[in-house]
């Protein structure tokens, strides 16, 4: 019976060792997979950050271009306003000159009729 018990004990010890070896292999495999997933996650995060940085850079360039366009349009509008004021002033001067010329013509016609 002692031999049988010893034999069973040895068998159980071998089984336990096999199970422990399998668990260690599984643990190593899981650790390797976790490491791979972490690497892939870091790579994905880096790619995402790079894409965000590039998108932000493009947006900044576009915003700057828009600011320049706005500034250019504001300058154009300002110059157009000045031109309009200048044209209004010229129109008023021409109207006054025309009025004076018409009055002079009227005087001349009155003089000629007499």
PDB file of N, CA and C in Angstrom:
ATOM      1  N   UNK A   1       0.840  -1.200   0.000  1.00  0.00           N
ATOM      2  CA  UNK A   1       0.000   0.000   0.000  1.00  0.00           C
ATOM      3  C   UNK A   1       0.885   1.263   0.000  1.00  0.00           C
ATOM      4  N   UNK A   2       2.004   1.165   0.731  1.00  0.00           N
ATOM      5  CA  UNK A   2       2.922   2.302   0.760  1.00  0.00           C
ATOM      6  C   UNK A   2       3.457   2.583  -0.634  1.00  0.00           C
ATOM      7  N   UNK A   3       3.798   1.475  -1.355  1.00  0.00           N
ATOM      8  CA  UNK A   3       4.284   1.660  -2.721  1.00  0.00           C
ATOM      9  C   UNK A   3       3.216   2.267  -3.598  1.00  0.00           C
ATOM     10  N   UNK A   4       2.009   1.793  -3.458  1.00  0.00           N
ATOM     11  CA  UNK A   4       0.898   2.323  -4.256  1.00  0.00           C
ATOM     12  C   UNK A   4       0.664   3.790  -3.944  1.00  0.00           C
ATOM     13  N   UNK A   5       0.680   4.145  -2.691  1.00  0.00           N
ATOM     14  CA  UNK A   5       0.489   5.533  -2.271  1.00  0.00           C
ATOM     15  C   UNK A   5       1.633   6.395  -2.786  1.00  0.00           C
ATOM     16  N   UNK A   6       2.846   5.861  -2.689  1.00  0.00           N
ATOM     17  CA  UNK A   6       4.013   6.580  -3.194  1.00  0.00           C
ATOM     18  C   UNK A   6       3.899   6.763  -4.699  1.00  0.00           C
ATOM     19  N   UNK A   7       3.456   5.724  -5.365  1.00  0.00           N
ATOM     20  CA  UNK A   7       3.275   5.787  -6.818  1.00  0.00           C
ATOM     21  C   UNK A   7       2.208   6.816  -7.178  1.00  0.00           C
ATOM     22  N   UNK A   8       1.105   6.818  -6.452  1.00  0.00           N
ATOM     23  CA  UNK A   8       0.049   7.802  -6.698  1.00  0.00           C
ATOM     24  C   UNK A   8       0.555   9.216  -6.431  1.00  0.00           C
ATOM     25  N   UNK A   9       1.338   9.319  -5.343  1.00  0.00           N
ATOM     26  CA  UNK A   9       1.903  10.637  -5.008  1.00  0.00           C
ATOM     27  C   UNK A   9       2.808  11.121  -6.126  1.00  0.00           C
ATOM     28  N   UNK A  10       3.642  10.208  -6.641  1.00  0.00           N
ATOM     29  CA  UNK A  10       4.536  10.569  -7.749  1.00  0.00           C
ATOM     30  C   UNK A  10       3.740  10.944  -8.996  1.00  0.00           C
ATOM     31  N   UNK A  11       2.693  10.216  -9.252  1.00  0.00           N
ATOM     32  CA  UNK A  11       1.829  10.498 -10.402  1.00  0.00           C
ATOM     33  C   UNK A  11       1.165  11.866 -10.248  1.00  0.00           C
ATOM     34  N   UNK A  12       0.656  12.116  -9.046  1.00  0.00           N
ATOM     35  CA  UNK A  12       0.045  13.431  -8.777  1.00  0.00           C
ATOM     36  C   UNK A  12       1.075  14.550  -8.896  1.00  0.00           C
ATOM     37  N   UNK A  13       2.285  14.301  -8.451  1.00  0.00           N
ATOM     38  CA  UNK A  13       3.353  15.296  -8.544  1.00  0.00           C
ATOM     39  C   UNK A  13       3.664  15.587 -10.009  1.00  0.00           C
ATOM     40  N   UNK A  14       3.727  14.527 -10.841  1.00  0.00           N
ATOM     41  CA  UNK A  14       3.975  14.722 -12.275  1.00  0.00           C
ATOM     42  C   UNK A  14       2.823  15.496 -12.920  1.00  0.00           C
ATOM     43  N   UNK A  15       1.592  15.131 -12.533  1.00  0.00           N
ATOM     44  CA  UNK A  15       0.422  15.838 -13.067  1.00  0.00           C
ATOM     45  C   UNK A  15       0.455  17.307 -12.659  1.00  0.00           C
ATOM     46  N   UNK A  16       0.779  17.550 -11.387  1.00  0.00           N
ATOM     47  CA  UNK A  16       0.862  18.912 -10.890  1.00  0.00           C
ATOM     48  C   UNK A  16       1.942  19.687 -11.647  1.00  0.00           C
ATOM     49  N   UNK A  17       3.080  19.058 -11.872  1.00  0.00           N
ATOM     50  CA  UNK A  17       4.172  19.709 -12.600  1.00  0.00           C
ATOM     51  C   UNK A  17       3.745  20.025 -14.032  1.00  0.00           C
ATOM     52  N   UNK A  18       3.031  19.099 -14.663  1.00  0.00           N
ATOM     53  CA  UNK A  18       2.541  19.332 -16.030  1.00  0.00           C
ATOM     54  C   UNK A  18       1.568  20.499 -16.059  1.00  0.00           C
ATOM     55  N   UNK A  19       0.650  20.518 -15.095  1.00  0.00           N
ATOM     56  CA  UNK A  19      -0.326  21.607 -15.030  1.00  0.00           C
ATOM     57  C   UNK A  19       0.386  22.929 -14.789  1.00  0.00           C
ATOM     58  N   UNK A  20       1.385  22.922 -13.873  1.00  0.00           N
ATOM     59  CA  UNK A  20       2.137  24.146 -13.597  1.00  0.00           C
ATOM     60  C   UNK A  20       2.892  24.617 -14.848  1.00  0.00           C
ATOM     61  N   UNK A  21       3.473  23.680 -15.583  1.00  0.00           N
ATOM     62  CA  UNK A  21       4.176  24.026 -16.816  1.00  0.00           C
ATOM     63  C   UNK A  21       3.209  24.622 -17.843  1.00  0.00           C
ATOM     64  N   UNK A  22       2.036  23.998 -17.957  1.00  0.00           N
ATOM     65  CA  UNK A  22       1.031  24.515 -18.895  1.00  0.00           C
ATOM     66  C   UNK A  22       0.600  25.931 -18.490  1.00  0.00           C
ATOM     67  N   UNK A  23       0.399  26.134 -17.181  1.00  0.00           N
ATOM     68  CA  UNK A  23       0.006  27.459 -16.692  1.00  0.00           C
ATOM     69  C   UNK A  23       1.102  28.489 -16.976  1.00  0.00           C
ATOM     70  N   UNK A  24       2.357  28.089 -16.773  1.00  0.00           N
ATOM     71  CA  UNK A  24       3.462  29.014 -17.048  1.00  0.00           C
ATOM     72  C   UNK A  24       3.525  29.353 -18.545  1.00  0.00           C
ATOM     73  N   UNK A  25       3.328  28.333 -19.383  1.00  0.00           N
ATOM     74  CA  UNK A  25       3.318  28.586 -20.828  1.00  0.00           C
ATOM     75  C   UNK A  25       2.177  29.531 -21.203  1.00  0.00           C
ATOM     76  N   UNK A  26       1.007  29.260 -20.633  1.00  0.00           N
ATOM     77  CA  UNK A  26      -0.153  30.117 -20.909  1.00  0.00           C
ATOM     78  C   UNK A  26       0.105  31.537 -20.413  1.00  0.00           C
ATOM     79  N   UNK A  27       0.685  31.660 -19.229  1.00  0.00           N
ATOM     80  CA  UNK A  27       0.987  32.981 -18.677  1.00  0.00           C
ATOM     81  C   UNK A  27       1.977  33.725 -19.579  1.00  0.00           C
ATOM     82  N   UNK A  28       3.002  33.007 -20.048  1.00  0.00           N
ATOM     83  CA  UNK A  28       3.981  33.625 -20.954  1.00  0.00           C
ATOM     84  C   UNK A  28       3.314  34.063 -22.253  1.00  0.00           C
ATOM     85  N   UNK A  29       2.440  33.235 -22.772  1.00  0.00           N
ATOM     86  CA  UNK A  29       1.724  33.564 -24.009  1.00  0.00           C
ATOM     87  C   UNK A  29       0.842  34.809 -23.813  1.00  0.00           C
ATOM     88  N   UNK A  30       0.138  34.842 -22.681  1.00  0.00           N
ATOM     89  CA  UNK A  30      -0.739  35.990 -22.398  1.00  0.00           C
ATOM     90  C   UNK A  30       0.098  37.258 -22.231  1.00  0.00           C
ATOM     91  N   UNK A  31       1.250  37.156 -21.533  1.00  0.00           N
ATOM     92  CA  UNK A  31       2.113  38.324 -21.360  1.00  0.00           C
ATOM     93  C   UNK A  31       2.631  38.815 -22.710  1.00  0.00           C
ATOM     94  N   UNK A  32       2.981  37.866 -23.582  1.00  0.00           N
ATOM     95  CA  UNK A  32       3.458  38.232 -24.919  1.00  0.00           C
ATOM     96  C   UNK A  32       2.355  38.933 -25.701  1.00  0.00           C
ATOM     97  N   UNK A  33       1.126  38.404 -25.630  1.00  0.00           N
ATOM     98  CA  UNK A  33      -0.005  39.030 -26.324  1.00  0.00           C
ATOM     99  C   UNK A  33      -0.285  40.428 -25.772  1.00  0.00           C
ATOM    100  N   UNK A  34      -0.225  40.569 -24.450  1.00  0.00           N
ATOM    101  CA  UNK A  34      -0.445  41.885 -23.828  1.00  0.00           C
ATOM    102  C   UNK A  34       0.613  42.866 -24.325  1.00  0.00           C
ATOM    103  N   UNK A  35       1.849  42.404 -24.375  1.00  0.00           N
ATOM    104  CA  UNK A  35       2.931  43.263 -24.853  1.00  0.00           C
ATOM    105  C   UNK A  35       2.689  43.682 -26.309  1.00  0.00           C
ATOM    106  N   UNK A  36       2.255  42.722 -27.137  1.00  0.00           N
ATOM    107  CA  UNK A  36       1.951  43.048 -28.542  1.00  0.00           C
ATOM    108  C   UNK A  36       0.808  44.061 -28.629  1.00  0.00           C
ATOM    109  N   UNK A  37      -0.235  43.858 -27.835  1.00  0.00           N
ATOM    110  CA  UNK A  37      -1.370  44.788 -27.855  1.00  0.00           C
ATOM    111  C   UNK A  37      -0.946  46.183 -27.386  1.00  0.00           C
ATOM    112  N   UNK A  38      -0.085  46.228 -26.367  1.00  0.00           N
ATOM    113  CA  UNK A  38       0.413  47.525 -25.898  1.00  0.00           C
ATOM    114  C   UNK A  38       1.209  48.224 -26.991  1.00  0.00           C
ATOM    115  N   UNK A  39       2.053  47.447 -27.677  1.00  0.00           N
ATOM    116  CA  UNK A  39       2.836  48.030 -28.777  1.00  0.00           C
ATOM    117  C   UNK A  39       1.920  48.558 -29.878  1.00  0.00           C
ATOM    118  N   UNK A  40       0.909  47.763 -30.223  1.00  0.00           N
ATOM    119  CA  UNK A  40      -0.025  48.200 -31.267  1.00  0.00           C
ATOM    120  C   UNK A  40      -0.806  49.425 -30.824  1.00  0.00           C
ATOM    121  N   UNK A  41      -1.189  49.461 -29.548  1.00  0.00           N
ATOM    122  CA  UNK A  41      -1.917  50.615 -29.014  1.00  0.00           C
ATOM    123  C   UNK A  41      -1.036  51.864 -29.064  1.00  0.00           C
ATOM    124  N   UNK A  42       0.220  51.726 -28.641  1.00  0.00           N
ATOM    125  CA  UNK A  42       1.143  52.864 -28.683  1.00  0.00           C
ATOM    126  C   UNK A  42       1.331  53.355 -30.119  1.00  0.00           C
ATOM    127  N   UNK A  43       1.458  52.412 -31.048  1.00  0.00           N
ATOM    128  CA  UNK A  43       1.621  52.789 -32.460  1.00  0.00           C
ATOM    129  C   UNK A  43       0.379  53.508 -32.972  1.00  0.00           C
ATOM    130  N   UNK A  44      -0.787  52.986 -32.615  1.00  0.00           N
ATOM    131  CA  UNK A  44      -2.042  53.619 -33.046  1.00  0.00           C
ATOM    132  C   UNK A  44      -2.171  55.016 -32.432  1.00  0.00           C
ATOM    133  N   UNK A  45      -1.807  55.151 -31.160  1.00  0.00           N
ATOM    134  CA  UNK A  45      -1.860  56.460 -30.502  1.00  0.00           C
ATOM    135  C   UNK A  45      -0.902  57.433 -31.171  1.00  0.00           C
ATOM    136  N   UNK A  46       0.291  56.950 -31.528  1.00  0.00           N
ATOM    137  CA  UNK A  46       1.272  57.812 -32.199  1.00  0.00           C
ATOM    138  C   UNK A  46       0.743  58.253 -33.565  1.00  0.00           C
ATOM    139  N   UNK A  47       0.187  57.315 -34.323  1.00  0.00           N
ATOM    140  CA  UNK A  47      -0.368  57.655 -35.635  1.00  0.00           C
ATOM    141  C   UNK A  47      -1.513  58.652 -35.488  1.00  0.00           C
ATOM    142  N   UNK A  48      -2.348  58.429 -34.485  1.00  0.00           N
ATOM    143  CA  UNK A  48      -3.466  59.335 -34.229  1.00  0.00           C
ATOM    144  C   UNK A  48      -2.949  60.730 -33.878  1.00  0.00           C
ATOM    145  N   UNK A  49      -1.946  60.790 -33.001  1.00  0.00           N
ATOM    146  CA  UNK A  49      -1.366  62.080 -32.607  1.00  0.00           C
ATOM    147  C   UNK A  49      -0.722  62.770 -33.806  1.00  0.00           C
ATOM    148  N   UNK A  50      -0.023  61.996 -34.632  1.00  0.00           N
ATOM    149  CA  UNK A  50       0.595  62.566 -35.837  1.00  0.00           C
ATOM    150  C   UNK A  50      -0.470  63.132 -36.769  1.00  0.00           C
ATOM    151  N   UNK A  51      -1.565  62.388 -36.926  1.00  0.00           N
ATOM    152  CA  UNK A  51      -2.654  62.859 -37.789  1.00  0.00           C
ATOM    153  C   UNK A  51      -3.279  64.131 -37.224  1.00  0.00           C
ATOM    154  N   UNK A  52      -3.469  64.171 -35.896  1.00  0.00           N
ATOM    155  CA  UNK A  52      -4.014  65.373 -35.252  1.00  0.00           C
ATOM    156  C   UNK A  52      -3.079  66.564 -35.438  1.00  0.00           C
ATOM    157  N   UNK A  53      -1.792  66.333 -35.246  1.00  0.00           N
ATOM    158  CA  UNK A  53      -0.806  67.404 -35.403  1.00  0.00           C
ATOM    159  C   UNK A  53      -0.834  67.944 -36.828  1.00  0.00           C
ATOM    160  N   UNK A  54      -0.877  67.044 -37.800  1.00  0.00           N
ATOM    161  CA  UNK A  54      -0.918  67.471 -39.205  1.00  0.00           C
ATOM    162  C   UNK A  54      -2.209  68.219 -39.514  1.00  0.00           C
ATOM    163  N   UNK A  55      -3.327  67.720 -39.002  1.00  0.00           N
ATOM    164  CA  UNK A  55      -4.615  68.397 -39.222  1.00  0.00           C
ATOM    165  C   UNK A  55      -4.592  69.788 -38.583  1.00  0.00           C
ATOM    166  N   UNK A  56      -4.037  69.893 -37.382  1.00  0.00           N
ATOM    167  CA  UNK A  56      -3.932  71.195 -36.716  1.00  0.00           C
ATOM    168  C   UNK A  56      -3.049  72.144 -37.510  1.00  0.00           C
ATOM    169  N   UNK A  57      -1.936  71.623 -38.046  1.00  0.00           N
ATOM    170  CA  UNK A  57      -1.034  72.454 -38.840  1.00  0.00           C
ATOM    171  C   UNK A  57      -1.756  72.974 -40.088  1.00  0.00           C
ATOM    172  N   UNK A  58      -2.461  72.066 -40.766  1.00  0.00           N
ATOM    173  CA  UNK A  58      -3.210  72.477 -41.961  1.00  0.00           C
ATOM    174  C   UNK A  58      -4.278  73.512 -41.602  1.00  0.00           C
ATOM    175  N   UNK A  59      -4.958  73.298 -40.483  1.00  0.00           N
ATOM    176  CA  UNK A  59      -5.981  74.256 -40.049  1.00  0.00           C
ATOM    177  C   UNK A  59      -5.370  75.616 -39.758  1.00  0.00           C
ATOM    178  N   UNK A  60      -4.208  75.616 -39.104  1.00  0.00           N
ATOM    179  CA  UNK A  60      -3.535  76.889 -38.803  1.00  0.00           C
ATOM    180  C   UNK A  60      -3.170  77.615 -40.092  1.00  0.00           C
ATOM    181  N   UNK A  61      -2.668  76.870 -41.067  1.00  0.00           N
ATOM    182  CA  UNK A  61      -2.315  77.475 -42.359  1.00  0.00           C
ATOM    183  C   UNK A  61      -3.566  78.048 -43.023  1.00  0.00           C
ATOM    184  N   UNK A  62      -4.649  77.274 -42.992  1.00  0.00           N
ATOM    185  CA  UNK A  62      -5.901  77.724 -43.599  1.00  0.00           C
ATOM    186  C   UNK A  62      -6.458  78.950 -42.875  1.00  0.00           C
ATOM    187  N   UNK A  63      -6.382  78.940 -41.538  1.00  0.00           N
ATOM    188  CA  UNK A  63      -6.862  80.083 -40.755  1.00  0.00           C
ATOM    189  C   UNK A  63      -6.039  81.325 -41.100  1.00  0.00           C
ATOM    190  N   UNK A  64      -4.727  81.163 -41.185  1.00  0.00           N
ATOM    191  CA  UNK A  64      -3.859  82.293 -41.528  1.00  0.00           C
ATOM    192  C   UNK A  64      -4.202  82.827 -42.912  1.00  0.00           C
ATOM    193  N   UNK A  65      -4.457  81.923 -43.859  1.00  0.00           N
ATOM    194  CA  UNK A  65      -4.837  82.349 -45.206  1.00  0.00           C
ATOM    195  C   UNK A  65      -6.165  83.109 -45.170  1.00  0.00           C
ATOM    196  N   UNK A  66      -7.095  82.644 -44.367  1.00  0.00           N
ATOM    197  CA  UNK A  66      -8.388  83.330 -44.232  1.00  0.00           C
ATOM    198  C   UNK A  66      -8.209  84.714 -43.614  1.00  0.00           C
ATOM    199  N   UNK A  67      -7.347  84.804 -42.605  1.00  0.00           N
ATOM    200  CA  UNK A  67      -7.088  86.109 -41.978  1.00  0.00           C
ATOM    201  C   UNK A  67      -6.487  87.077 -42.997  1.00  0.00           C
ATOM    202  N   UNK A  68      -5.561  86.563 -43.796  1.00  0.00           N
ATOM    203  CA  UNK A  68      -4.954  87.413 -44.825  1.00  0.00           C
ATOM    204  C   UNK A  68      -5.997  87.855 -45.849  1.00  0.00           C
ATOM    205  N   UNK A  69      -6.873  86.926 -46.223  1.00  0.00           N
ATOM    206  CA  UNK A  69      -7.928  87.258 -47.190  1.00  0.00           C
ATOM    207  C   UNK A  69      -8.869  88.309 -46.601  1.00  0.00           C
ATOM    208  N   UNK A  70      -9.249  88.137 -45.335  1.00  0.00           N
ATOM    209  CA  UNK A  70     -10.126  89.105 -44.666  1.00  0.00           C
ATOM    210  C   UNK A  70      -9.457  90.479 -44.630  1.00  0.00           C
ATOM    211  N   UNK A  71      -8.179  90.484 -44.262  1.00  0.00           N
ATOM    212  CA  UNK A  71      -7.448  91.746 -44.201  1.00  0.00           C
ATOM    213  C   UNK A  71      -7.401  92.409 -45.578  1.00  0.00           C
ATOM    214  N   UNK A  72      -7.153  91.612 -46.590  1.00  0.00           N
ATOM    215  CA  UNK A  72      -7.111  92.128 -47.957  1.00  0.00           C
ATOM    216  C   UNK A  72      -8.471  92.687 -48.373  1.00  0.00           C
ATOM    217  N   UNK A  73      -9.534  91.961 -48.040  1.00  0.00           N
ATOM    218  CA  UNK A  73     -10.890  92.419 -48.380  1.00  0.00           C
ATOM    219  C   UNK A  73     -11.247  93.692 -47.612  1.00  0.00           C
ATOM    220  N   UNK A  74     -10.848  93.764 -46.343  1.00  0.00           N
ATOM    221  CA  UNK A  74     -11.112  94.971 -45.560  1.00  0.00           C
ATOM    222  C   UNK A  74     -10.388  96.175 -46.182  1.00  0.00           C
ATOM    223  N   UNK A  75      -9.147  95.951 -46.622  1.00  0.00           N
ATOM    224  CA  UNK A  75      -8.390  97.023 -47.266  1.00  0.00           C
ATOM    225  C   UNK A  75      -9.075  97.431 -48.570  1.00  0.00           C
ATOM    226  N   UNK A  76      -9.523  96.446 -49.333  1.00  0.00           N
ATOM    227  CA  UNK A  76     -10.214  96.723 -50.599  1.00  0.00           C
ATOM    228  C   UNK A  76     -11.497  97.525 -50.348  1.00  0.00           C
ATOM    229  N   UNK A  77     -12.271  97.098 -49.354  1.00  0.00           N
ATOM    230  CA  UNK A  77     -13.524  97.796 -49.022  1.00  0.00           C
ATOM    231  C   UNK A  77     -13.222  99.236 -48.603  1.00  0.00           C
ATOM    232  N   UNK A  78     -12.196  99.408 -47.797  1.00  0.00           N
ATOM    233  CA  UNK A  78     -11.818 100.746 -47.358  1.00  0.00           C
ATOM    234  C   UNK A  78     -11.438 101.615 -48.551  1.00  0.00           C
ATOM    235  N   UNK A  79     -10.659 101.086 -49.467  1.00  0.00           N
ATOM    236  CA  UNK A  79     -10.267 101.869 -50.644  1.00  0.00           C
ATOM    237  C   UNK A  79     -11.479 102.154 -51.528  1.00  0.00           C
ATOM    238  N   UNK A  80     -12.412 101.212 -51.607  1.00  0.00           N
ATOM    239  CA  UNK A  80     -13.625 101.429 -52.394  1.00  0.00           C
ATOM    240  C   UNK A  80     -14.489 102.529 -51.767  1.00  0.00           C
ATOM    241  N   UNK A  81     -14.566 102.547 -50.450  1.00  0.00           N
ATOM    242  CA  UNK A  81     -15.321 103.602 -49.760  1.00  0.00           C
ATOM    243  C   UNK A  81     -14.713 104.975 -50.049  1.00  0.00           C
ATOM    244  N   UNK A  82     -13.377 105.033 -49.977  1.00  0.00           N
ATOM    245  CA  UNK A  82     -12.703 106.290 -50.283  1.00  0.00           C
ATOM    246  C   UNK A  82     -12.981 106.709 -51.728  1.00  0.00           C
ATOM    247  N   UNK A  83     -12.941 105.753 -52.634  1.00  0.00           N
ATOM    248  CA  UNK A  83     -13.217 106.039 -54.045  1.00  0.00           C
ATOM    249  C   UNK A  83     -14.646 106.543 -54.223  1.00  0.00           C
ATOM    250  N   UNK A  84     -15.585 105.930 -53.510  1.00  0.00           N
ATOM    251  CA  UNK A  84     -16.992 106.360 -53.591  1.00  0.00           C
ATOM    252  C   UNK A  84     -17.124 107.798 -53.091  1.00  0.00           C
ATOM    253  N   UNK A  85     -16.482 108.088 -51.947  1.00  0.00           N
ATOM    254  CA  UNK A  85     -16.526 109.454 -51.416  1.00  0.00           C
ATOM    255  C   UNK A  85     -15.919 110.439 -52.404  1.00  0.00           C
ATOM    256  N   UNK A  86     -14.816 110.059 -53.027  1.00  0.00           N
ATOM    257  CA  UNK A  86     -14.162 110.912 -54.017  1.00  0.00           C
ATOM    258  C   UNK A  86     -15.096 111.145 -55.216  1.00  0.00           C
ATOM    259  N   UNK A  87     -15.747 110.076 -55.667  1.00  0.00           N
ATOM    260  CA  UNK A  87     -16.670 110.200 -56.804  1.00  0.00           C
ATOM    261  C   UNK A  87     -17.880 111.067 -56.450  1.00  0.00           C
ATOM    262  N   UNK A  88     -18.387 110.924 -55.219  1.00  0.00           N
ATOM    263  CA  UNK A  88     -19.513 111.760 -54.782  1.00  0.00           C
ATOM    264  C   UNK A  88     -19.102 113.234 -54.789  1.00  0.00           C
ATOM    265  N   UNK A  89     -17.901 113.504 -54.285  1.00  0.00           N
ATOM    266  CA  UNK A  89     -17.396 114.869 -54.244  1.00  0.00           C
ATOM    267  C   UNK A  89     -17.247 115.423 -55.663  1.00  0.00           C
ATOM    268  N   UNK A  90     -16.688 114.623 -56.554  1.00  0.00           N
ATOM    269  CA  UNK A  90     -16.548 115.039 -57.954  1.00  0.00           C
ATOM    270  C   UNK A  90     -17.911 115.297 -58.589  1.00  0.00           C
ATOM    271  N   UNK A  91     -18.880 114.426 -58.277  1.00  0.00           N
ATOM    272  CA  UNK A  91     -20.232 114.581 -58.829  1.00  0.00           C
ATOM    273  C   UNK A  91     -20.830 115.907 -58.357  1.00  0.00           C
ATOM    274  N   UNK A  92     -20.649 116.184 -57.078  1.00  0.00           N
ATOM    275  CA  UNK A  92     -21.185 117.425 -56.522  1.00  0.00           C
ATOM    276  C   UNK A  92     -20.527 118.640 -57.190  1.00  0.00           C
ATOM    277  N   UNK A  93     -19.215 118.572 -57.371  1.00  0.00           N
ATOM    278  CA  UNK A  93     -18.512 119.668 -58.041  1.00  0.00           C
ATOM    279  C   UNK A  93     -19.000 119.833 -59.484  1.00  0.00           C
ATOM    280  N   UNK A  94     -19.175 118.702 -60.171  1.00  0.00           N
ATOM    281  CA  UNK A  94     -19.656 118.766 -61.560  1.00  0.00           C
ATOM    282  C   UNK A  94     -21.078 119.319 -61.617  1.00  0.00           C
ATOM    283  N   UNK A  95     -21.917 118.899 -60.658  1.00  0.00           N
ATOM    284  CA  UNK A  95     -23.290 119.436 -60.620  1.00  0.00           C
ATOM    285  C   UNK A  95     -23.274 120.953 -60.393  1.00  0.00           C
ATOM    286  N   UNK A  96     -22.413 121.387 -59.478  1.00  0.00           N
ATOM    287  CA  UNK A  96     -22.296 122.826 -59.230  1.00  0.00           C
ATOM    288  C   UNK A  96     -21.795 123.556 -60.476  1.00  0.00           C
ATOM    289  N   UNK A  97     -20.781 122.989 -61.138  1.00  0.00           N
ATOM    290  CA  UNK A  97     -20.250 123.602 -62.366  1.00  0.00           C
ATOM    291  C   UNK A  97     -21.320 123.652 -63.446  1.00  0.00           C
ATOM    292  N   UNK A  98     -22.101 122.556 -63.539  1.00  0.00           N
ATOM    293  CA  UNK A  98     -23.175 122.508 -64.533  1.00  0.00           C
ATOM    294  C   UNK A  98     -24.222 123.578 -64.231  1.00  0.00           C
ATOM    295  N   UNK A  99     -24.550 123.733 -62.960  1.00  0.00           N
ATOM    296  CA  UNK A  99     -25.524 124.735 -62.549  1.00  0.00           C
ATOM    297  C   UNK A  99     -25.031 126.135 -62.937  1.00  0.00           C
ATOM    298  N   UNK A 100     -23.745 126.399 -62.641  1.00  0.00           N
ATOM    299  CA  UNK A 100     -23.150 127.698 -62.983  1.00  0.00           C
ATOM    300  C   UNK A 100     -23.155 127.897 -64.502  1.00  0.00           C
ATOM    301  N   UNK A 101     -22.789 126.835 -65.230  1.00  0.00           N
ATOM    302  CA  UNK A 101     -22.754 126.924 -66.693  1.00  0.00           C
ATOM    303  C   UNK A 101     -24.155 127.164 -67.246  1.00  0.00           C
ATOM    304  N   UNK A 102     -25.152 126.463 -66.674  1.00  0.00           N
ATOM    305  CA  UNK A 102     -26.530 126.657 -67.126  1.00  0.00           C
ATOM    306  C   UNK A 102     -27.003 128.092 -66.845  1.00  0.00           C
ATOM    307  N   UNK A 103     -26.613 128.620 -65.693  1.00  0.00           N
ATOM    308  CA  UNK A 103     -26.983 129.996 -65.366  1.00  0.00           C
ATOM    309  C   UNK A 103     -26.325 130.968 -66.347  1.00  0.00           C
ATOM    310  N   UNK A 104     -25.056 130.705 -66.628  1.00  0.00           N
ATOM    311  CA  UNK A 104     -24.344 131.574 -67.571  1.00  0.00           C
ATOM    312  C   UNK A 104     -24.977 131.482 -68.954  1.00  0.00           C
ATOM    313  N   UNK A 105     -25.357 130.253 -69.343  1.00  0.00           N
ATOM    314  CA  UNK A 105     -26.013 130.060 -70.639  1.00  0.00           C
ATOM    315  C   UNK A 105     -27.342 130.799 -70.670  1.00  0.00           C
ATOM    316  N   UNK A 106     -28.056 130.711 -69.564  1.00  0.00           N
ATOM    317  CA  UNK A 106     -29.328 131.417 -69.468  1.00  0.00           C
ATOM    318  C   UNK A 106     -29.114 132.922 -69.610  1.00  0.00           C
ATOM    319  N   UNK A 107     -28.094 133.455 -68.958  1.00  0.00           N
ATOM    320  CA  UNK A 107     -27.786 134.881 -69.064  1.00  0.00           C
ATOM    321  C   UNK A 107     -27.436 135.234 -70.499  1.00  0.00           C
ATOM    322  N   UNK A 108     -26.633 134.398 -71.129  1.00  0.00           N
ATOM    323  CA  UNK A 108     -26.243 134.661 -72.511  1.00  0.00           C
ATOM    324  C   UNK A 108     -27.465 134.658 -73.453  1.00  0.00           C
ATOM    325  N   UNK A 109     -28.347 133.654 -73.206  1.00  0.00           N
ATOM    326  CA  UNK A 109     -29.546 133.568 -74.062  1.00  0.00           C
ATOM    327  C   UNK A 109     -30.428 134.799 -73.858  1.00  0.00           C
ATOM    328  N   UNK A 110     -30.553 135.267 -72.628  1.00  0.00           N
ATOM    329  CA  UNK A 110     -31.359 136.468 -72.351  1.00  0.00           C
ATOM    330  C   UNK A 110     -30.747 137.663 -73.044  1.00  0.00           C
ATOM    331  N   UNK A 111     -29.421 137.722 -72.971  1.00  0.00           N
ATOM    332  CA  UNK A 111     -28.715 138.849 -73.605  1.00  0.00           C
ATOM    333  C   UNK A 111     -28.897 138.785 -75.109  1.00  0.00           C
ATOM    334  N   UNK A 112     -28.819 137.583 -75.679  1.00  0.00           N
ATOM    335  CA  UNK A 112     -28.942 137.411 -77.128  1.00  0.00           C
ATOM    336  C   UNK A 112     -30.340 137.738 -77.585  1.00  0.00           C
ATOM    337  N   UNK A 113     -31.350 137.350 -76.820  1.00  0.00           N
ATOM    338  CA  UNK A 113     -32.755 137.584 -77.167  1.00  0.00           C
ATOM    339  C   UNK A 113     -33.011 139.096 -77.181  1.00  0.00           C
ATOM    340  N   UNK A 114     -32.426 139.860 -76.355  1.00  0.00           N
ATOM    341  CA  UNK A 114     -32.645 141.297 -76.283  1.00  0.00           C
ATOM    342  C   UNK A 114     -32.083 141.929 -77.441  1.00  0.00           C
TER     343      UNK A 114
END
